[in-house]
Amino acid sequence: MGSFSIWHWIIVILLVMLLFGRGKISDLMGDVAKGIKSFKKGMADDDETAKPGQTIEHNQAQTIMPDAVEKKTKVS
């Protein structure tokens, strides 16, 4: 029991390499790298579009009530 020795880790790595092969592991790592780059680009785009002075203020007087909509749509 306890931690694994270096021989355990070597055997595990060899089994993983045999099962998945070098091609699949490198493709998987390439896909992970593309995902990280895409995430960073998306975060940078969000920072550019959300500027500090542009916030939406909610004013209750500007809220349209359902009764007001019905009254406006009725033609007298």
Protein backbone atom coordinates (compact mmCIF):
# COMPACT_ATOMS: atom_id res chain seq x y z
CA MET A 1 0.00 0.00 0.00
CA GLY A 2 1.07 3.60 -0.11
CA SER A 3 2.38 5.39 -3.16
CA PHE A 4 3.26 3.71 -6.39
CA SER A 5 6.87 3.09 -7.30
CA ILE A 6 8.50 4.25 -10.51
CA TRP A 7 8.00 0.79 -12.02
CA HIS A 8 4.25 0.99 -11.53
CA TRP A 9 4.12 4.31 -13.38
CA ILE A 10 6.30 3.02 -16.21
CA ILE A 11 4.02 0.01 -16.70
CA VAL A 12 0.91 2.23 -16.65
CA ILE A 13 2.41 4.62 -19.22
CA LEU A 14 3.41 1.71 -21.48
CA LEU A 15 -0.10 0.25 -21.31
CA VAL A 16 -1.65 3.61 -22.16
CA MET A 17 0.72 4.00 -25.10
CA LEU A 18 -0.14 0.50 -26.35
CA LEU A 19 -3.89 1.03 -26.02
CA PHE A 20 -4.16 4.52 -27.48
CA GLY A 21 -1.04 4.81 -29.57
CA ARG A 22 1.02 7.93 -30.09
CA GLY A 23 -1.24 9.28 -32.84
CA LYS A 24 -4.42 9.33 -30.75
CA ILE A 25 -2.73 10.95 -27.77
CA SER A 26 -1.17 13.69 -29.89
CA ASP A 27 -4.50 14.31 -31.64
CA LEU A 28 -6.22 14.54 -28.27
CA MET A 29 -3.65 17.02 -26.96
CA GLY A 30 -3.98 19.06 -30.17
CA ASP A 31 -7.75 19.23 -29.70
CA VAL A 32 -7.29 20.34 -26.09
CA ALA A 33 -4.89 23.08 -27.20
CA LYS A 34 -7.36 24.29 -29.85
CA GLY A 35 -10.10 24.39 -27.23
CA ILE A 36 -7.96 26.45 -24.87
CA LYS A 37 -7.04 28.90 -27.65
CA SER A 38 -10.69 29.23 -28.64
CA PHE A 39 -11.68 29.86 -25.01
CA LYS A 40 -9.02 32.56 -24.60
CA LYS A 41 -10.11 34.21 -27.85
CA GLY A 42 -13.72 34.19 -26.70
CA MET A 43 -12.79 35.73 -23.37
CA ALA A 44 -10.78 38.46 -25.14
CA ASP A 45 -13.76 39.20 -27.44
CA ASP A 46 -16.04 39.52 -24.40
CA ASP A 47 -13.66 42.02 -22.81
CA GLU A 48 -13.68 44.16 -25.96
CA THR A 49 -17.48 44.21 -26.31
CA ALA A 50 -18.22 44.91 -22.64
CA LYS A 51 -16.86 48.36 -21.97
CA PRO A 52 -17.12 49.82 -18.46
CA GLY A 53 -19.40 52.78 -19.29
CA GLN A 54 -22.04 50.77 -21.13
CA THR A 55 -24.43 49.35 -18.57
CA ILE A 56 -28.17 48.87 -18.90
CA GLU A 57 -30.18 50.81 -16.35
CA HIS A 58 -33.61 49.53 -15.45
CA ASN A 59 -36.29 52.12 -14.95
CA GLN A 60 -39.64 50.83 -13.71
CA ALA A 61 -41.50 53.71 -15.41
CA GLN A 62 -40.32 52.43 -18.79
CA THR A 63 -41.61 48.92 -18.17
CA ILE A 64 -44.62 48.07 -20.34
CA MET A 65 -47.50 46.60 -18.41
CA PRO A 66 -49.73 43.97 -20.04
CA ASP A 67 -52.85 46.19 -19.54
CA ALA A 68 -51.20 49.06 -21.39
CA VAL A 69 -50.41 46.79 -24.33
CA GLU A 70 -54.03 45.63 -24.54
CA LYS A 71 -55.31 49.24 -24.45
CA LYS A 72 -52.92 50.30 -27.22
CA THR A 73 -53.91 47.42 -29.48
CA LYS A 74 -57.67 48.01 -29.19
CA VAL A 75 -59.03 50.28 -31.87
CA SER A 76 -61.93 52.52 -30.77
